[in-house]
């Protein structure tokens, strides 16, 4: 889960979220260990809601580590790092 800033370098929040969604979804064709990836942007106003959710599936935690270190993922993560105001993570089997 991610929350992001209202604007960044001329981009409004909805544009930031659209870029993150597009960039993350594009990883499916670039990082072979990704079995499935779903990115959702919050559609309802709720003060307790997160702005964006990322759900990925891997065959193993080793594959998750490969994904996290893959250069294309690192590039997306660097942008997210500049715009995120909050992050929550759950890794489960």
N, C-alpha and C. Protein backbone atom coordinates (compact mmCIF):
# COMPACT_ATOMS: atom_id res chain seq x y z
N UNK A 1 0.84 -1.17 0.00
CA UNK A 1 0.00 0.00 0.00
C UNK A 1 0.89 1.24 0.00
N UNK A 2 0.45 2.26 -0.72
CA UNK A 2 1.20 3.51 -0.76
C UNK A 2 0.26 4.70 -0.66
N UNK A 3 0.71 5.74 -0.01
CA UNK A 3 0.13 7.07 -0.10
C UNK A 3 1.19 7.94 -0.76
N UNK A 4 0.73 8.90 -1.56
CA UNK A 4 1.66 9.76 -2.29
C UNK A 4 1.33 11.24 -2.08
N UNK A 5 2.27 12.08 -2.45
CA UNK A 5 2.13 13.53 -2.33
C UNK A 5 1.06 14.04 -3.29
N UNK A 6 0.61 15.26 -3.04
CA UNK A 6 -0.42 15.89 -3.87
C UNK A 6 0.14 16.35 -5.23
N UNK A 7 1.43 16.71 -5.26
CA UNK A 7 2.06 17.10 -6.53
C UNK A 7 3.56 16.90 -6.43
N UNK A 8 4.17 16.73 -7.60
CA UNK A 8 5.62 16.49 -7.67
C UNK A 8 6.10 16.90 -9.06
N UNK A 9 7.00 17.86 -9.09
CA UNK A 9 7.62 18.31 -10.34
C UNK A 9 6.58 18.54 -11.45
N UNK A 10 5.51 19.25 -11.11
CA UNK A 10 4.49 19.59 -12.09
C UNK A 10 3.43 18.52 -12.31
N UNK A 11 3.56 17.38 -11.68
CA UNK A 11 2.57 16.31 -11.80
C UNK A 11 1.59 16.39 -10.64
N UNK A 12 0.30 16.28 -10.94
CA UNK A 12 -0.71 16.21 -9.91
C UNK A 12 -0.84 14.78 -9.39
N UNK A 13 -1.49 14.63 -8.26
CA UNK A 13 -1.60 13.32 -7.61
C UNK A 13 -2.13 12.25 -8.56
N UNK A 14 -3.20 12.55 -9.29
CA UNK A 14 -3.75 11.54 -10.20
C UNK A 14 -2.75 11.15 -11.28
N UNK A 15 -1.92 12.07 -11.72
CA UNK A 15 -0.89 11.76 -12.71
C UNK A 15 0.24 10.91 -12.10
N UNK A 16 0.59 11.23 -10.88
CA UNK A 16 1.61 10.46 -10.16
C UNK A 16 1.14 9.01 -10.01
N UNK A 17 -0.10 8.85 -9.58
CA UNK A 17 -0.64 7.50 -9.39
C UNK A 17 -0.73 6.74 -10.71
N UNK A 18 -1.14 7.42 -11.77
CA UNK A 18 -1.22 6.77 -13.09
C UNK A 18 0.16 6.34 -13.57
N UNK A 19 1.18 7.17 -13.32
CA UNK A 19 2.55 6.81 -13.72
C UNK A 19 3.04 5.60 -12.93
N UNK A 20 2.81 5.60 -11.63
CA UNK A 20 3.24 4.47 -10.81
C UNK A 20 2.55 3.19 -11.29
N UNK A 21 1.25 3.25 -11.50
CA UNK A 21 0.49 2.08 -11.96
C UNK A 21 1.05 1.57 -13.29
N UNK A 22 1.24 2.46 -14.23
CA UNK A 22 1.76 2.07 -15.55
C UNK A 22 3.17 1.49 -15.45
N UNK A 23 4.02 2.14 -14.68
CA UNK A 23 5.41 1.68 -14.54
C UNK A 23 5.48 0.32 -13.85
N UNK A 24 4.67 0.12 -12.81
CA UNK A 24 4.68 -1.17 -12.12
C UNK A 24 4.13 -2.28 -13.01
N UNK A 25 3.04 -2.01 -13.69
CA UNK A 25 2.45 -3.02 -14.57
C UNK A 25 3.39 -3.40 -15.71
N UNK A 26 4.20 -2.46 -16.17
CA UNK A 26 5.16 -2.73 -17.24
C UNK A 26 6.26 -3.69 -16.80
N UNK A 27 6.45 -3.84 -15.50
CA UNK A 27 7.49 -4.75 -15.01
C UNK A 27 7.16 -6.21 -15.34
N UNK A 28 5.88 -6.53 -15.55
CA UNK A 28 5.48 -7.91 -15.86
C UNK A 28 6.24 -8.45 -17.08
N UNK A 29 6.48 -7.64 -18.07
CA UNK A 29 7.19 -8.07 -19.26
C UNK A 29 8.70 -7.96 -19.16
N UNK A 30 9.18 -7.35 -18.08
CA UNK A 30 10.62 -7.10 -17.94
C UNK A 30 11.29 -7.95 -16.87
N UNK A 31 10.54 -8.35 -15.87
CA UNK A 31 11.09 -9.12 -14.75
C UNK A 31 10.47 -10.52 -14.80
N UNK A 32 11.23 -11.50 -15.29
CA UNK A 32 10.64 -12.81 -15.55
C UNK A 32 10.11 -13.56 -14.33
N UNK A 33 10.53 -13.22 -13.13
CA UNK A 33 10.07 -13.95 -11.94
C UNK A 33 8.67 -13.53 -11.48
N UNK A 34 8.12 -12.46 -12.04
CA UNK A 34 6.78 -12.01 -11.67
C UNK A 34 5.76 -12.99 -12.26
N UNK A 35 4.96 -13.61 -11.39
CA UNK A 35 3.91 -14.53 -11.86
C UNK A 35 2.62 -13.75 -12.12
N UNK A 36 2.37 -12.74 -11.31
CA UNK A 36 1.18 -11.91 -11.49
C UNK A 36 1.43 -10.58 -10.79
N UNK A 37 0.86 -9.53 -11.36
CA UNK A 37 0.98 -8.21 -10.75
C UNK A 37 -0.33 -7.47 -10.98
N UNK A 38 -0.85 -6.89 -9.92
CA UNK A 38 -2.06 -6.09 -9.99
C UNK A 38 -1.80 -4.79 -9.24
N UNK A 39 -2.17 -3.69 -9.87
CA UNK A 39 -2.00 -2.37 -9.24
C UNK A 39 -3.36 -1.69 -9.27
N UNK A 40 -3.81 -1.24 -8.11
CA UNK A 40 -5.09 -0.56 -8.03
C UNK A 40 -4.95 0.81 -7.41
N UNK A 41 -5.66 1.76 -7.99
CA UNK A 41 -5.69 3.13 -7.47
C UNK A 41 -7.02 3.29 -6.74
N UNK A 42 -6.97 3.82 -5.52
CA UNK A 42 -8.17 4.00 -4.72
C UNK A 42 -9.21 4.81 -5.48
N UNK A 43 -10.45 4.32 -5.48
CA UNK A 43 -11.51 4.97 -6.24
C UNK A 43 -12.54 5.67 -5.35
N UNK A 44 -12.45 5.49 -4.03
CA UNK A 44 -13.44 6.09 -3.13
C UNK A 44 -12.75 6.96 -2.10
N UNK A 45 -13.31 8.12 -1.87
CA UNK A 45 -12.76 9.02 -0.85
C UNK A 45 -13.03 8.44 0.54
N UNK A 46 -11.96 8.22 1.27
CA UNK A 46 -12.06 7.69 2.63
C UNK A 46 -10.78 8.08 3.34
N UNK A 47 -10.87 8.74 4.48
CA UNK A 47 -9.66 9.18 5.17
C UNK A 47 -8.76 8.04 5.63
N UNK A 48 -9.29 6.82 5.69
CA UNK A 48 -8.50 5.66 6.11
C UNK A 48 -7.94 4.87 4.93
N UNK A 49 -8.27 5.26 3.72
CA UNK A 49 -7.85 4.52 2.53
C UNK A 49 -6.43 4.90 2.11
N UNK A 50 -5.76 3.95 1.51
CA UNK A 50 -4.47 4.19 0.88
C UNK A 50 -4.71 4.63 -0.56
N UNK A 51 -3.75 5.33 -1.15
CA UNK A 51 -3.89 5.83 -2.52
C UNK A 51 -3.74 4.72 -3.56
N UNK A 52 -2.85 3.77 -3.31
CA UNK A 52 -2.54 2.76 -4.31
C UNK A 52 -2.16 1.46 -3.63
N UNK A 53 -2.53 0.35 -4.25
CA UNK A 53 -2.14 -0.96 -3.74
C UNK A 53 -1.42 -1.73 -4.85
N UNK A 54 -0.39 -2.44 -4.45
CA UNK A 54 0.38 -3.31 -5.35
C UNK A 54 0.27 -4.73 -4.81
N UNK A 55 -0.18 -5.65 -5.66
CA UNK A 55 -0.26 -7.06 -5.30
C UNK A 55 0.54 -7.84 -6.33
N UNK A 56 1.56 -8.55 -5.87
CA UNK A 56 2.39 -9.34 -6.78
C UNK A 56 2.45 -10.78 -6.29
N UNK A 57 2.65 -11.69 -7.24
CA UNK A 57 2.81 -13.11 -6.92
C UNK A 57 4.14 -13.59 -7.47
N UNK A 58 4.83 -14.38 -6.64
CA UNK A 58 6.11 -14.98 -7.00
C UNK A 58 6.08 -16.45 -6.58
N UNK A 59 6.94 -17.24 -7.16
CA UNK A 59 7.02 -18.66 -6.80
C UNK A 59 7.72 -18.87 -5.46
N UNK A 60 8.54 -17.91 -5.05
CA UNK A 60 9.32 -18.08 -3.82
C UNK A 60 9.78 -16.72 -3.30
N UNK A 61 10.26 -16.72 -2.05
CA UNK A 61 10.85 -15.50 -1.52
C UNK A 61 12.15 -15.17 -2.24
N UNK A 62 12.85 -16.17 -2.76
CA UNK A 62 14.04 -15.91 -3.57
C UNK A 62 13.68 -15.11 -4.81
N UNK A 63 12.56 -15.45 -5.44
CA UNK A 63 12.11 -14.69 -6.61
C UNK A 63 11.72 -13.26 -6.23
N UNK A 64 11.12 -13.10 -5.05
CA UNK A 64 10.82 -11.76 -4.56
C UNK A 64 12.09 -10.94 -4.43
N UNK A 65 13.15 -11.55 -3.90
CA UNK A 65 14.44 -10.86 -3.78
C UNK A 65 15.00 -10.49 -5.15
N UNK A 66 14.87 -11.38 -6.12
CA UNK A 66 15.33 -11.09 -7.48
C UNK A 66 14.57 -9.89 -8.04
N UNK A 67 13.26 -9.89 -7.87
CA UNK A 67 12.40 -8.78 -8.31
C UNK A 67 12.84 -7.47 -7.67
N UNK A 68 13.06 -7.50 -6.37
CA UNK A 68 13.40 -6.26 -5.67
C UNK A 68 14.73 -5.69 -6.12
N UNK A 69 15.65 -6.54 -6.58
CA UNK A 69 16.98 -6.08 -7.01
C UNK A 69 17.07 -5.84 -8.51
N UNK A 70 16.04 -6.21 -9.26
CA UNK A 70 16.06 -6.06 -10.71
C UNK A 70 16.15 -4.56 -11.06
N UNK A 71 17.03 -4.20 -11.99
CA UNK A 71 17.22 -2.77 -12.32
C UNK A 71 15.95 -2.03 -12.73
N UNK A 72 15.05 -2.70 -13.44
CA UNK A 72 13.81 -2.03 -13.84
C UNK A 72 12.91 -1.76 -12.63
N UNK A 73 12.88 -2.69 -11.68
CA UNK A 73 12.12 -2.46 -10.46
C UNK A 73 12.77 -1.35 -9.63
N UNK A 74 14.08 -1.37 -9.54
CA UNK A 74 14.80 -0.35 -8.77
C UNK A 74 14.47 1.05 -9.31
N UNK A 75 14.40 1.18 -10.64
CA UNK A 75 14.08 2.48 -11.24
C UNK A 75 12.68 2.95 -10.84
N UNK A 76 11.71 2.05 -10.86
CA UNK A 76 10.34 2.40 -10.45
C UNK A 76 10.34 2.75 -8.96
N UNK A 77 11.02 1.96 -8.17
CA UNK A 77 11.07 2.18 -6.72
C UNK A 77 11.71 3.53 -6.38
N UNK A 78 12.67 3.95 -7.17
CA UNK A 78 13.31 5.25 -6.92
C UNK A 78 12.30 6.38 -7.11
N UNK A 79 11.47 6.30 -8.15
CA UNK A 79 10.45 7.32 -8.34
C UNK A 79 9.45 7.29 -7.19
N UNK A 80 8.99 6.09 -6.84
CA UNK A 80 8.04 5.97 -5.75
C UNK A 80 8.63 6.56 -4.46
N UNK A 81 9.91 6.32 -4.23
CA UNK A 81 10.57 6.86 -3.05
C UNK A 81 10.52 8.38 -2.98
N UNK A 82 10.48 9.03 -4.12
CA UNK A 82 10.42 10.49 -4.16
C UNK A 82 9.02 11.03 -3.88
N UNK A 83 7.98 10.22 -4.12
CA UNK A 83 6.62 10.73 -4.03
C UNK A 83 5.78 10.10 -2.92
N UNK A 84 6.27 9.07 -2.29
CA UNK A 84 5.45 8.39 -1.27
C UNK A 84 5.49 9.14 0.06
N UNK A 85 4.35 9.14 0.71
CA UNK A 85 4.26 9.70 2.06
C UNK A 85 4.01 8.59 3.08
N UNK A 86 3.67 7.40 2.60
CA UNK A 86 3.44 6.27 3.49
C UNK A 86 3.50 4.98 2.71
N UNK A 87 3.85 3.89 3.41
CA UNK A 87 3.96 2.58 2.78
C UNK A 87 3.69 1.51 3.82
N UNK A 88 2.94 0.50 3.43
CA UNK A 88 2.70 -0.66 4.27
C UNK A 88 2.92 -1.91 3.41
N UNK A 89 3.53 -2.93 4.00
CA UNK A 89 3.91 -4.13 3.24
C UNK A 89 3.52 -5.37 4.03
N UNK A 90 3.05 -6.39 3.31
CA UNK A 90 2.84 -7.71 3.87
C UNK A 90 3.39 -8.71 2.87
N UNK A 91 4.34 -9.53 3.29
CA UNK A 91 4.87 -10.63 2.47
C UNK A 91 4.38 -11.92 3.13
N UNK A 92 3.68 -12.75 2.37
CA UNK A 92 3.13 -13.98 2.95
C UNK A 92 3.26 -15.13 1.97
N UNK A 93 3.14 -16.34 2.52
CA UNK A 93 3.19 -17.54 1.68
C UNK A 93 1.78 -18.06 1.50
